[in-house]
Amino acid sequence: MTQKGPARLSGLARAKINLGLRILGRRPDGYHALESLAAFTDFGDRLTLEVGPDTGLDVEGPFAAMLDPGNLVAMAAQAFLHKWPDARGGRFILRKNLPIAAGIGGGSADAAAALNLLARANPGIRSEEHLPALAASIGADVPVCLVSRASFMSGVGERVKPLERFPAVHAVLANPGVRVPTARVFAVLDAPRLADEREREAALPSAFATLEEVVHYVKATGNDLAAAAVATAPVVANVLEALAATQGALATALTGSGATCFALYEERAGAERAATALGKAQPEWWVKAVTLS
């Protein structure tokens, strides 16, 4: 008999921020090999699972209307219940607080949260060792979102190396309200064929001790998709410029394929002031002060 967990479970699907992103090349299968330091915000979507025979997905929140029908939460639930047909499922309620197609892994974080909630609902199933593979089958960002803490990701995203240490990093996120499809950005990038990536993976640091180290990494690494994202959505350049002009900004960059960009700050109060000022200057943008970990 399957051991039963709670009847109602909830979790935060934290937004993923690529503090640096290098595209190593295009693999023979058409996917792109990458190297990225991902960290996670203290803000995100909220996913609730009501365990029972009733299944499905209800969506609410400020970005609910923009959500595509083929939501990754449903894909995650299908993958979990296909792997364990006797597991308990239920109805999901997603509060969509994060913008769509924004480069912050919102859909991937939702899928990872669904897998974690289903695992919690079925404590009698030893699912932990299988969840990373299930996550990878759903999407490239889902494995790192399953970990949901500062990590290096490589391969096409399926290899995740959590950092031994990472400081609290305060940031402002800004999105101009323009959806930037990842496939379109990669098409513009037109990356070369992949060379050997193994030596690069061996050289990745295992920890960041200070904010200064993180800022140096952001400035030194950058985002290889930035130019393609600007070519796809020129407003991205305006977002980067506006963030760099905020008081106290230490470094700015694009996250993922955009259009969300971020700036780093020494203190949370400084990030909050910058977010308030930018939000007043650009009332049509989505602007949020967050702390990364």
C-alpha atoms as a PDB file:
ATOM      1  CA  MET A   1       0.000   0.000   0.000  1.00  0.00           C
ATOM      2  CA  THR A   2       1.274   3.467  -0.913  1.00  0.00           C
ATOM      3  CA  GLN A   3       1.944   5.595   2.149  1.00  0.00           C
ATOM      4  CA  LYS A   4      -0.217   8.711   2.078  1.00  0.00           C
ATOM      5  CA  GLY A   5       0.980  12.282   2.516  1.00  0.00           C
ATOM      6  CA  PRO A   6      -1.001  15.469   3.258  1.00  0.00           C
ATOM      7  CA  ALA A   7      -4.178  16.215   1.313  1.00  0.00           C
ATOM      8  CA  ARG A   8      -3.168  19.789   0.411  1.00  0.00           C
ATOM      9  CA  LEU A   9       0.375  20.890  -0.337  1.00  0.00           C
ATOM     10  CA  SER A  10       1.887  24.158  -1.512  1.00  0.00           C
ATOM     11  CA  GLY A  11       5.298  25.312  -2.704  1.00  0.00           C
ATOM     12  CA  LEU A  12       7.085  28.348  -4.102  1.00  0.00           C
ATOM     13  CA  ALA A  13       8.313  28.052  -7.700  1.00  0.00           C
ATOM     14  CA  ARG A  14      11.282  30.414  -7.470  1.00  0.00           C
ATOM     15  CA  ALA A  15      12.396  32.370 -10.522  1.00  0.00           C
ATOM     16  CA  LYS A  16      15.754  31.338 -12.019  1.00  0.00           C
ATOM     17  CA  ILE A  17      18.320  34.006 -12.845  1.00  0.00           C
ATOM     18  CA  ASN A  18      21.278  33.222 -15.104  1.00  0.00           C
ATOM     19  CA  LEU A  19      24.062  35.292 -13.595  1.00  0.00           C
ATOM     20  CA  GLY A  20      26.251  34.266 -16.490  1.00  0.00           C
ATOM     21  CA  LEU A  21      25.530  32.240 -19.609  1.00  0.00           C
ATOM     22  CA  ARG A  22      27.993  30.873 -22.144  1.00  0.00           C
ATOM     23  CA  ILE A  23      26.907  28.964 -25.218  1.00  0.00           C
ATOM     24  CA  LEU A  24      29.648  26.450 -25.991  1.00  0.00           C
ATOM     25  CA  GLY A  25      28.266  25.390 -29.357  1.00  0.00           C
ATOM     26  CA  ARG A  26      25.606  23.480 -31.241  1.00  0.00           C
ATOM     27  CA  ARG A  27      25.574  19.724 -30.673  1.00  0.00           C
ATOM     28  CA  PRO A  28      25.006  17.165 -33.450  1.00  0.00           C
ATOM     29  CA  ASP A  29      21.433  16.678 -32.187  1.00  0.00           C
ATOM     30  CA  GLY A  30      20.688  20.385 -32.717  1.00  0.00           C
ATOM     31  CA  TYR A  31      20.632  21.338 -29.041  1.00  0.00           C
ATOM     32  CA  HIS A  32      23.083  23.861 -27.623  1.00  0.00           C
ATOM     33  CA  ALA A  33      25.648  23.003 -24.957  1.00  0.00           C
ATOM     34  CA  LEU A  34      25.869  25.685 -22.311  1.00  0.00           C
ATOM     35  CA  GLU A  35      27.563  26.698 -19.097  1.00  0.00           C
ATOM     36  CA  SER A  36      25.661  28.879 -16.657  1.00  0.00           C
ATOM     37  CA  LEU A  37      25.578  29.979 -13.044  1.00  0.00           C
ATOM     38  CA  ALA A  38      21.931  30.012 -11.988  1.00  0.00           C
ATOM     39  CA  ALA A  39      20.614  31.480  -8.750  1.00  0.00           C
ATOM     40  CA  PHE A  40      17.057  31.677  -7.453  1.00  0.00           C
ATOM     41  CA  THR A  41      14.911  34.525  -6.192  1.00  0.00           C
ATOM     42  CA  ASP A  42      12.870  34.764  -3.016  1.00  0.00           C
ATOM     43  CA  PHE A  43       9.846  35.480  -5.215  1.00  0.00           C
ATOM     44  CA  GLY A  44       8.023  33.319  -7.729  1.00  0.00           C
ATOM     45  CA  ASP A  45       4.858  31.503  -8.678  1.00  0.00           C
ATOM     46  CA  ARG A  46       2.866  29.667  -6.007  1.00  0.00           C
ATOM     47  CA  LEU A  47       1.741  26.116  -6.791  1.00  0.00           C
ATOM     48  CA  THR A  48      -0.791  24.193  -4.690  1.00  0.00           C
ATOM     49  CA  LEU A  49      -1.744  20.526  -5.030  1.00  0.00           C
ATOM     50  CA  GLU A  50      -5.129  19.365  -3.753  1.00  0.00           C
ATOM     51  CA  VAL A  51      -4.634  15.609  -3.565  1.00  0.00           C
ATOM     52  CA  GLY A  52      -7.555  13.497  -4.740  1.00  0.00           C
ATOM     53  CA  PRO A  53      -9.319  11.925  -7.721  1.00  0.00           C
ATOM     54  CA  ASP A  54     -10.106  15.295  -9.307  1.00  0.00           C
ATOM     55  CA  THR A  55      -7.286  16.300 -11.662  1.00  0.00           C
ATOM     56  CA  GLY A  56      -6.450  19.317 -13.758  1.00  0.00           C
ATOM     57  CA  LEU A  57      -4.942  22.772 -13.451  1.00  0.00           C
ATOM     58  CA  ASP A  58      -6.503  26.067 -12.386  1.00  0.00           C
ATOM     59  CA  VAL A  59      -4.507  29.226 -13.061  1.00  0.00           C
ATOM     60  CA  GLU A  60      -4.871  32.609 -11.403  1.00  0.00           C
ATOM     61  CA  GLY A  61      -2.710  35.658 -10.808  1.00  0.00           C
ATOM     62  CA  PRO A  62      -1.456  38.671 -12.783  1.00  0.00           C
ATOM     63  CA  PHE A  63       0.013  36.631 -15.669  1.00  0.00           C
ATOM     64  CA  ALA A  64      -2.603  33.854 -15.801  1.00  0.00           C
ATOM     65  CA  ALA A  65      -4.179  35.065 -19.041  1.00  0.00           C
ATOM     66  CA  MET A  66      -0.843  34.858 -20.878  1.00  0.00           C
ATOM     67  CA  LEU A  67      -0.163  31.221 -20.008  1.00  0.00           C
ATOM     68  CA  ASP A  68       0.014  28.768 -22.914  1.00  0.00           C
ATOM     69  CA  PRO A  69      -2.421  25.801 -22.845  1.00  0.00           C
ATOM     70  CA  GLY A  70       0.440  23.257 -22.883  1.00  0.00           C
ATOM     71  CA  ASN A  71       1.583  24.175 -19.399  1.00  0.00           C
ATOM     72  CA  LEU A  72       4.624  22.396 -17.980  1.00  0.00           C
ATOM     73  CA  VAL A  73       2.789  21.654 -14.721  1.00  0.00           C
ATOM     74  CA  ALA A  74       0.497  19.274 -16.618  1.00  0.00           C
ATOM     75  CA  MET A  75       3.503  17.714 -18.366  1.00  0.00           C
ATOM     76  CA  ALA A  76       5.242  17.176 -15.017  1.00  0.00           C
ATOM     77  CA  ALA A  77       2.162  15.555 -13.501  1.00  0.00           C
ATOM     78  CA  GLN A  78       1.772  13.260 -16.513  1.00  0.00           C
ATOM     79  CA  ALA A  79       5.444  12.251 -16.342  1.00  0.00           C
ATOM     80  CA  PHE A  80       5.236  11.488 -12.602  1.00  0.00           C
ATOM     81  CA  LEU A  81       2.027   9.450 -12.867  1.00  0.00           C
ATOM     82  CA  HIS A  82       3.315   7.598 -15.929  1.00  0.00           C
ATOM     83  CA  LYS A  83       6.385   6.579 -13.917  1.00  0.00           C
ATOM     84  CA  TRP A  84       4.288   5.601 -10.877  1.00  0.00           C
ATOM     85  CA  PRO A  85       0.736   4.762 -12.067  1.00  0.00           C
ATOM     86  CA  ASP A  86      -0.480   4.003  -8.530  1.00  0.00           C
ATOM     87  CA  ALA A  87       0.731   7.318  -7.104  1.00  0.00           C
ATOM     88  CA  ARG A  88      -1.716   9.874  -5.774  1.00  0.00           C
ATOM     89  CA  GLY A  89      -2.341  12.862  -8.016  1.00  0.00           C
ATOM     90  CA  GLY A  90      -4.830  15.687  -7.809  1.00  0.00           C
ATOM     91  CA  ARG A  91      -5.743  19.170  -8.962  1.00  0.00           C
ATOM     92  CA  PHE A  92      -3.110  21.884  -9.183  1.00  0.00           C
ATOM     93  CA  ILE A  93      -3.746  25.562  -8.527  1.00  0.00           C
ATOM     94  CA  LEU A  94      -1.093  27.848  -9.998  1.00  0.00           C
ATOM     95  CA  ARG A  95      -0.821  31.489  -9.013  1.00  0.00           C
ATOM     96  CA  LYS A  96       1.161  32.965 -11.906  1.00  0.00           C
ATOM     97  CA  ASN A  97       3.187  35.851 -10.481  1.00  0.00           C
ATOM     98  CA  LEU A  98       6.038  35.696 -13.021  1.00  0.00           C
ATOM     99  CA  PRO A  99       5.947  37.030 -16.588  1.00  0.00           C
ATOM    100  CA  ILE A 100       5.800  34.529 -19.448  1.00  0.00           C
ATOM    101  CA  ALA A 101       8.670  33.754 -21.869  1.00  0.00           C
ATOM    102  CA  ALA A 102      10.831  36.104 -19.839  1.00  0.00           C
ATOM    103  CA  GLY A 103      14.132  34.245 -19.376  1.00  0.00           C
ATOM    104  CA  ILE A 104      13.540  33.528 -15.697  1.00  0.00           C
ATOM    105  CA  GLY A 105      12.476  29.881 -15.930  1.00  0.00           C
ATOM    106  CA  GLY A 106       8.924  30.431 -14.686  1.00  0.00           C
ATOM    107  CA  GLY A 107       7.402  27.458 -16.486  1.00  0.00           C
ATOM    108  CA  SER A 108      10.362  25.244 -15.586  1.00  0.00           C
ATOM    109  CA  ALA A 109      10.112  26.269 -11.937  1.00  0.00           C
ATOM    110  CA  ASP A 110       6.399  25.440 -11.998  1.00  0.00           C
ATOM    111  CA  ALA A 111       7.143  21.981 -13.427  1.00  0.00           C
ATOM    112  CA  ALA A 112       9.828  21.343 -10.806  1.00  0.00           C
ATOM    113  CA  ALA A 113       7.440  22.444  -8.060  1.00  0.00           C
ATOM    114  CA  ALA A 114       4.820  20.021  -9.394  1.00  0.00           C
ATOM    115  CA  LEU A 115       7.294  17.123  -9.255  1.00  0.00           C
ATOM    116  CA  ASN A 116       8.291  18.057  -5.696  1.00  0.00           C
ATOM    117  CA  LEU A 117       4.670  18.351  -4.549  1.00  0.00           C
ATOM    118  CA  LEU A 118       3.779  14.967  -6.038  1.00  0.00           C
ATOM    119  CA  ALA A 119       6.806  13.427  -4.327  1.00  0.00           C
ATOM    120  CA  ARG A 120       5.666  14.909  -1.014  1.00  0.00           C
ATOM    121  CA  ALA A 121       2.129  13.592  -1.601  1.00  0.00           C
ATOM    122  CA  ASN A 122       3.542  10.086  -2.072  1.00  0.00           C
ATOM    123  CA  PRO A 123       6.141   9.590   0.685  1.00  0.00           C
ATOM    124  CA  GLY A 124       5.977   5.829   0.261  1.00  0.00           C
ATOM    125  CA  ILE A 125       7.499   6.102  -3.215  1.00  0.00           C
ATOM    126  CA  ARG A 126      11.271   6.463  -3.289  1.00  0.00           C
ATOM    127  CA  SER A 127      11.171   9.023  -6.071  1.00  0.00           C
ATOM    128  CA  GLU A 128      14.170  11.210  -5.190  1.00  0.00           C
ATOM    129  CA  GLU A 129      16.718   9.410  -7.355  1.00  0.00           C
ATOM    130  CA  HIS A 130      14.368   9.426 -10.352  1.00  0.00           C
ATOM    131  CA  LEU A 131      13.181  13.049 -10.232  1.00  0.00           C
ATOM    132  CA  PRO A 132      16.237  14.595 -12.003  1.00  0.00           C
ATOM    133  CA  ALA A 133      15.735  12.353 -15.044  1.00  0.00           C
ATOM    134  CA  LEU A 134      12.011  13.110 -15.091  1.00  0.00           C
ATOM    135  CA  ALA A 135      12.837  16.815 -14.842  1.00  0.00           C
ATOM    136  CA  ALA A 136      15.257  16.611 -17.784  1.00  0.00           C
ATOM    137  CA  SER A 137      12.592  14.909 -19.910  1.00  0.00           C
ATOM    138  CA  ILE A 138      10.301  17.927 -19.421  1.00  0.00           C
ATOM    139  CA  GLY A 139      12.673  20.791 -20.194  1.00  0.00           C
ATOM    140  CA  ALA A 140      16.292  21.933 -20.095  1.00  0.00           C
ATOM    141  CA  ASP A 141      15.821  24.284 -17.122  1.00  0.00           C
ATOM    142  CA  VAL A 142      13.695  21.941 -15.025  1.00  0.00           C
ATOM    143  CA  PRO A 143      16.618  20.000 -13.417  1.00  0.00           C
ATOM    144  CA  VAL A 144      18.233  23.123 -11.956  1.00  0.00           C
ATOM    145  CA  CYS A 145      14.809  24.410 -10.873  1.00  0.00           C
ATOM    146  CA  LEU A 146      14.297  21.100  -9.062  1.00  0.00           C
ATOM    147  CA  VAL A 147      17.388  21.945  -6.966  1.00  0.00           C
ATOM    148  CA  SER A 148      16.261  25.599  -6.673  1.00  0.00           C
ATOM    149  CA  ARG A 149      19.487  26.963  -5.222  1.00  0.00           C
ATOM    150  CA  ALA A 150      22.638  28.489  -6.667  1.00  0.00           C
ATOM    151  CA  SER A 151      24.161  25.956  -9.050  1.00  0.00           C
ATOM    152  CA  PHE A 152      26.191  25.596 -12.198  1.00  0.00           C
ATOM    153  CA  MET A 153      24.296  23.987 -15.044  1.00  0.00           C
ATOM    154  CA  SER A 154      25.921  22.440 -18.089  1.00  0.00           C
ATOM    155  CA  GLY A 155      25.260  20.076 -20.966  1.00  0.00           C
ATOM    156  CA  VAL A 156      21.926  21.352 -22.274  1.00  0.00           C
ATOM    157  CA  GLY A 157      20.974  22.039 -18.659  1.00  0.00           C
ATOM    158  CA  GLU A 158      20.612  18.472 -17.409  1.00  0.00           C
ATOM    159  CA  ARG A 159      23.915  18.457 -15.483  1.00  0.00           C
ATOM    160  CA  VAL A 160      23.523  20.425 -12.261  1.00  0.00           C
ATOM    161  CA  LYS A 161      26.278  21.164  -9.746  1.00  0.00           C
ATOM    162  CA  PRO A 162      24.969  22.927  -6.598  1.00  0.00           C
ATOM    163  CA  LEU A 163      27.453  25.368  -5.100  1.00  0.00           C
ATOM    164  CA  GLU A 164      28.946  24.630  -1.703  1.00  0.00           C
ATOM    165  CA  ARG A 165      28.589  28.286  -0.708  1.00  0.00           C
ATOM    166  CA  PHE A 166      26.847  31.344  -2.151  1.00  0.00           C
ATOM    167  CA  PRO A 167      26.143  34.708  -0.486  1.00  0.00           C
ATOM    168  CA  ALA A 168      22.786  36.449  -0.364  1.00  0.00           C
ATOM    169  CA  VAL A 169      22.778  38.649  -3.471  1.00  0.00           C
ATOM    170  CA  HIS A 170      20.295  41.504  -3.827  1.00  0.00           C
ATOM    171  CA  ALA A 171      18.980  42.365  -7.257  1.00  0.00           C
ATOM    172  CA  VAL A 172      16.359  44.170  -9.289  1.00  0.00           C
ATOM    173  CA  LEU A 173      14.606  42.356 -12.144  1.00  0.00           C
ATOM    174  CA  ALA A 174      13.059  44.331 -15.001  1.00  0.00           C
ATOM    175  CA  ASN A 175      10.983  43.048 -17.896  1.00  0.00           C
ATOM    176  CA  PRO A 176       9.544  45.365 -20.561  1.00  0.00           C
ATOM    177  CA  GLY A 177       6.482  43.236 -21.215  1.00  0.00           C
ATOM    178  CA  VAL A 178       7.791  41.739 -24.454  1.00  0.00           C
ATOM    179  CA  ARG A 179       7.808  37.959 -24.900  1.00  0.00           C
ATOM    180  CA  VAL A 180      11.091  36.691 -26.345  1.00  0.00           C
ATOM    181  CA  PRO A 181      10.794  33.065 -27.554  1.00  0.00           C
ATOM    182  CA  THR A 182      13.974  31.139 -26.782  1.00  0.00           C
ATOM    183  CA  ALA A 183      13.960  29.332 -30.137  1.00  0.00           C
ATOM    184  CA  ARG A 184      13.937  32.645 -32.007  1.00  0.00           C
ATOM    185  CA  VAL A 185      16.930  33.952 -30.030  1.00  0.00           C
ATOM    186  CA  PHE A 186      18.939  30.791 -30.699  1.00  0.00           C
ATOM    187  CA  ALA A 187      18.076  31.024 -34.393  1.00  0.00           C
ATOM    188  CA  VAL A 188      19.507  34.540 -34.484  1.00  0.00           C
ATOM    189  CA  LEU A 189      22.578  33.409 -32.530  1.00  0.00           C
ATOM    190  CA  ASP A 190      23.491  30.749 -35.132  1.00  0.00           C
ATOM    191  CA  ALA A 191      26.064  29.151 -32.803  1.00  0.00           C
ATOM    192  CA  PRO A 192      28.995  27.163 -34.245  1.00  0.00           C
ATOM    193  CA  ARG A 193      29.283  23.402 -33.862  1.00  0.00           C
ATOM    194  CA  LEU A 194      30.354  22.225 -30.432  1.00  0.00           C
ATOM    195  CA  ALA A 195      33.975  21.658 -29.512  1.00  0.00           C
ATOM    196  CA  ASP A 196      35.010  19.557 -26.491  1.00  0.00           C
ATOM    197  CA  GLU A 197      33.298  20.919 -23.354  1.00  0.00           C
ATOM    198  CA  ARG A 198      34.768  18.574 -20.724  1.00  0.00           C
ATOM    199  CA  GLU A 199      37.765  20.700 -19.769  1.00  0.00           C
ATOM    200  CA  ARG A 200      35.545  23.745 -19.186  1.00  0.00           C
ATOM    201  CA  GLU A 201      33.270  21.832 -16.814  1.00  0.00           C
ATOM    202  CA  ALA A 202      36.231  20.685 -14.714  1.00  0.00           C
ATOM    203  CA  ALA A 203      37.274  24.320 -14.209  1.00  0.00           C
ATOM    204  CA  LEU A 204      33.959  25.587 -12.781  1.00  0.00           C
ATOM    205  CA  PRO A 205      34.251  27.028  -9.255  1.00  0.00           C
ATOM    206  CA  SER A 206      32.545  25.184  -6.418  1.00  0.00           C
ATOM    207  CA  ALA A 207      31.704  28.221  -4.270  1.00  0.00           C
ATOM    208  CA  PHE A 208      31.331  31.997  -4.184  1.00  0.00           C
ATOM    209  CA  ALA A 209      32.237  33.449  -0.810  1.00  0.00           C
ATOM    210  CA  THR A 210      31.413  37.144  -1.301  1.00  0.00           C
ATOM    211  CA  LEU A 211      29.250  39.520  -3.289  1.00  0.00           C
ATOM    212  CA  GLU A 212      32.403  40.880  -4.910  1.00  0.00           C
ATOM    213  CA  GLU A 213      33.159  37.443  -6.378  1.00  0.00           C
ATOM    214  CA  VAL A 214      29.644  37.213  -7.806  1.00  0.00           C
ATOM    215  CA  VAL A 215      29.856  40.705  -9.331  1.00  0.00           C
ATOM    216  CA  HIS A 216      33.207  39.852 -10.900  1.00  0.00           C
ATOM    217  CA  TYR A 217      31.731  36.664 -12.381  1.00  0.00           C
ATOM    218  CA  VAL A 218      28.748  38.529 -13.856  1.00  0.00           C
ATOM    219  CA  LYS A 219      30.980  41.151 -15.460  1.00  0.00           C
ATOM    220  CA  ALA A 220      33.559  38.651 -16.726  1.00  0.00           C
ATOM    221  CA  THR A 221      31.108  36.064 -18.066  1.00  0.00           C
ATOM    222  CA  GLY A 222      28.228  38.031 -19.517  1.00  0.00           C
ATOM    223  CA  ASN A 223      25.466  36.374 -21.515  1.00  0.00           C
ATOM    224  CA  ASP A 224      26.214  34.988 -24.972  1.00  0.00           C
ATOM    225  CA  LEU A 225      22.542  35.385 -25.909  1.00  0.00           C
ATOM    226  CA  ALA A 226      22.443  39.124 -25.183  1.00  0.00           C
ATOM    227  CA  ALA A 227      23.219  40.365 -28.699  1.00  0.00           C
ATOM    228  CA  ALA A 228      20.717  37.929 -30.252  1.00  0.00           C
ATOM    229  CA  ALA A 229      18.081  38.934 -27.700  1.00  0.00           C
ATOM    230  CA  VAL A 230      18.594  42.626 -28.498  1.00  0.00           C
ATOM    231  CA  ALA A 231      18.337  41.847 -32.211  1.00  0.00           C
ATOM    232  CA  THR A 232      15.088  39.993 -31.539  1.00  0.00           C
ATOM    233  CA  ALA A 233      13.668  42.599 -29.135  1.00  0.00           C
ATOM    234  CA  PRO A 234      15.574  45.928 -29.274  1.00  0.00           C
ATOM    235  CA  VAL A 235      13.855  47.142 -26.102  1.00  0.00           C
ATOM    236  CA  VAL A 236      16.159  44.796 -24.158  1.00  0.00           C
ATOM    237  CA  ALA A 237      18.977  47.306 -24.716  1.00  0.00           C
ATOM    238  CA  ASN A 238      16.802  50.012 -23.116  1.00  0.00           C
ATOM    239  CA  VAL A 239      16.181  47.809 -20.075  1.00  0.00           C
ATOM    240  CA  LEU A 240      19.903  47.161 -19.581  1.00  0.00           C
ATOM    241  CA  GLU A 241      20.644  50.868 -19.905  1.00  0.00           C
ATOM    242  CA  ALA A 242      17.921  51.837 -17.434  1.00  0.00           C
ATOM    243  CA  LEU A 243      19.118  49.300 -14.847  1.00  0.00           C
ATOM    244  CA  ALA A 244      22.739  50.417 -15.197  1.00  0.00           C
ATOM    245  CA  ALA A 245      21.634  54.004 -14.513  1.00  0.00           C
ATOM    246  CA  THR A 246      19.963  53.145 -11.190  1.00  0.00           C
ATOM    247  CA  GLN A 247      21.739  54.288  -8.045  1.00  0.00           C
ATOM    248  CA  GLY A 248      24.018  51.634  -6.575  1.00  0.00           C
ATOM    249  CA  ALA A 249      23.930  49.179  -9.492  1.00  0.00           C
ATOM    250  CA  LEU A 250      27.088  47.036  -9.349  1.00  0.00           C
ATOM    251  CA  ALA A 251      26.561  44.937 -12.495  1.00  0.00           C
ATOM    252  CA  THR A 252      23.813  44.397 -15.064  1.00  0.00           C
ATOM    253  CA  ALA A 253      23.055  41.601 -17.516  1.00  0.00           C
ATOM    254  CA  LEU A 254      20.367  39.728 -19.408  1.00  0.00           C
ATOM    255  CA  THR A 255      19.054  36.528 -17.847  1.00  0.00           C
ATOM    256  CA  GLY A 256      18.389  33.520 -20.060  1.00  0.00           C
ATOM    257  CA  SER A 257      17.176  34.524 -23.516  1.00  0.00           C
ATOM    258  CA  GLY A 258      15.364  37.575 -22.117  1.00  0.00           C
ATOM    259  CA  ALA A 259      13.645  39.878 -22.084  1.00  0.00           C
ATOM    260  CA  THR A 260      14.194  40.098 -18.317  1.00  0.00           C
ATOM    261  CA  CYS A 261      17.396  41.829 -17.227  1.00  0.00           C
ATOM    262  CA  PHE A 262      18.850  42.298 -13.769  1.00  0.00           C
ATOM    263  CA  ALA A 263      21.129  44.541 -11.748  1.00  0.00           C
ATOM    264  CA  LEU A 264      22.976  43.644  -8.547  1.00  0.00           C
ATOM    265  CA  TYR A 265      23.196  45.814  -5.405  1.00  0.00           C
ATOM    266  CA  GLU A 266      25.120  45.773  -2.158  1.00  0.00           C
ATOM    267  CA  GLU A 267      22.050  45.842   0.097  1.00  0.00           C
ATOM    268  CA  ARG A 268      18.368  44.901  -0.135  1.00  0.00           C
ATOM    269  CA  ALA A 269      17.357  48.465   0.762  1.00  0.00           C
ATOM    270  CA  GLY A 270      19.322  49.766  -2.218  1.00  0.00           C
ATOM    271  CA  ALA A 271      17.632  47.262  -4.501  1.00  0.00           C
ATOM    272  CA  GLU A 272      14.216  48.283  -3.168  1.00  0.00           C
ATOM    273  CA  ARG A 273      14.933  51.975  -3.793  1.00  0.00           C
ATOM    274  CA  ALA A 274      16.161  51.235  -7.314  1.00  0.00           C
ATOM    275  CA  ALA A 275      13.086  49.120  -8.066  1.00  0.00           C
ATOM    276  CA  THR A 276      10.765  51.856  -6.831  1.00  0.00           C
ATOM    277  CA  ALA A 277      12.501  54.510  -8.923  1.00  0.00           C
ATOM    278  CA  LEU A 278      12.598  52.348 -12.061  1.00  0.00           C
ATOM    279  CA  GLY A 279       8.974  51.316 -11.625  1.00  0.00           C
ATOM    280  CA  LYS A 280       7.918  54.977 -11.495  1.00  0.00           C
ATOM    281  CA  ALA A 281      10.026  55.833 -14.549  1.00  0.00           C
ATOM    282  CA  GLN A 282       8.752  52.812 -16.504  1.00  0.00           C
ATOM    283  CA  PRO A 283       5.227  52.040 -15.234  1.00  0.00           C
ATOM    284  CA  GLU A 284       4.567  49.578 -18.086  1.00  0.00           C
ATOM    285  CA  TRP A 285       7.507  47.373 -17.112  1.00  0.00           C
ATOM    286  CA  TRP A 286       7.454  44.544 -14.572  1.00  0.00           C
ATOM    287  CA  VAL A 287      10.031  45.514 -11.932  1.00  0.00           C
ATOM    288  CA  LYS A 288      10.836  43.524  -8.786  1.00  0.00           C
ATOM    289  CA  ALA A 289      13.464  43.710  -6.033  1.00  0.00           C
ATOM    290  CA  VAL A 290      14.611  40.226  -4.991  1.00  0.00           C
ATOM    291  CA  THR A 291      17.294  38.382  -3.073  1.00  0.00           C
ATOM    292  CA  LEU A 292      19.131  35.552  -4.821  1.00  0.00           C
ATOM    293  CA  SER A 293      20.413  32.373  -3.178  1.00  0.00           C
END
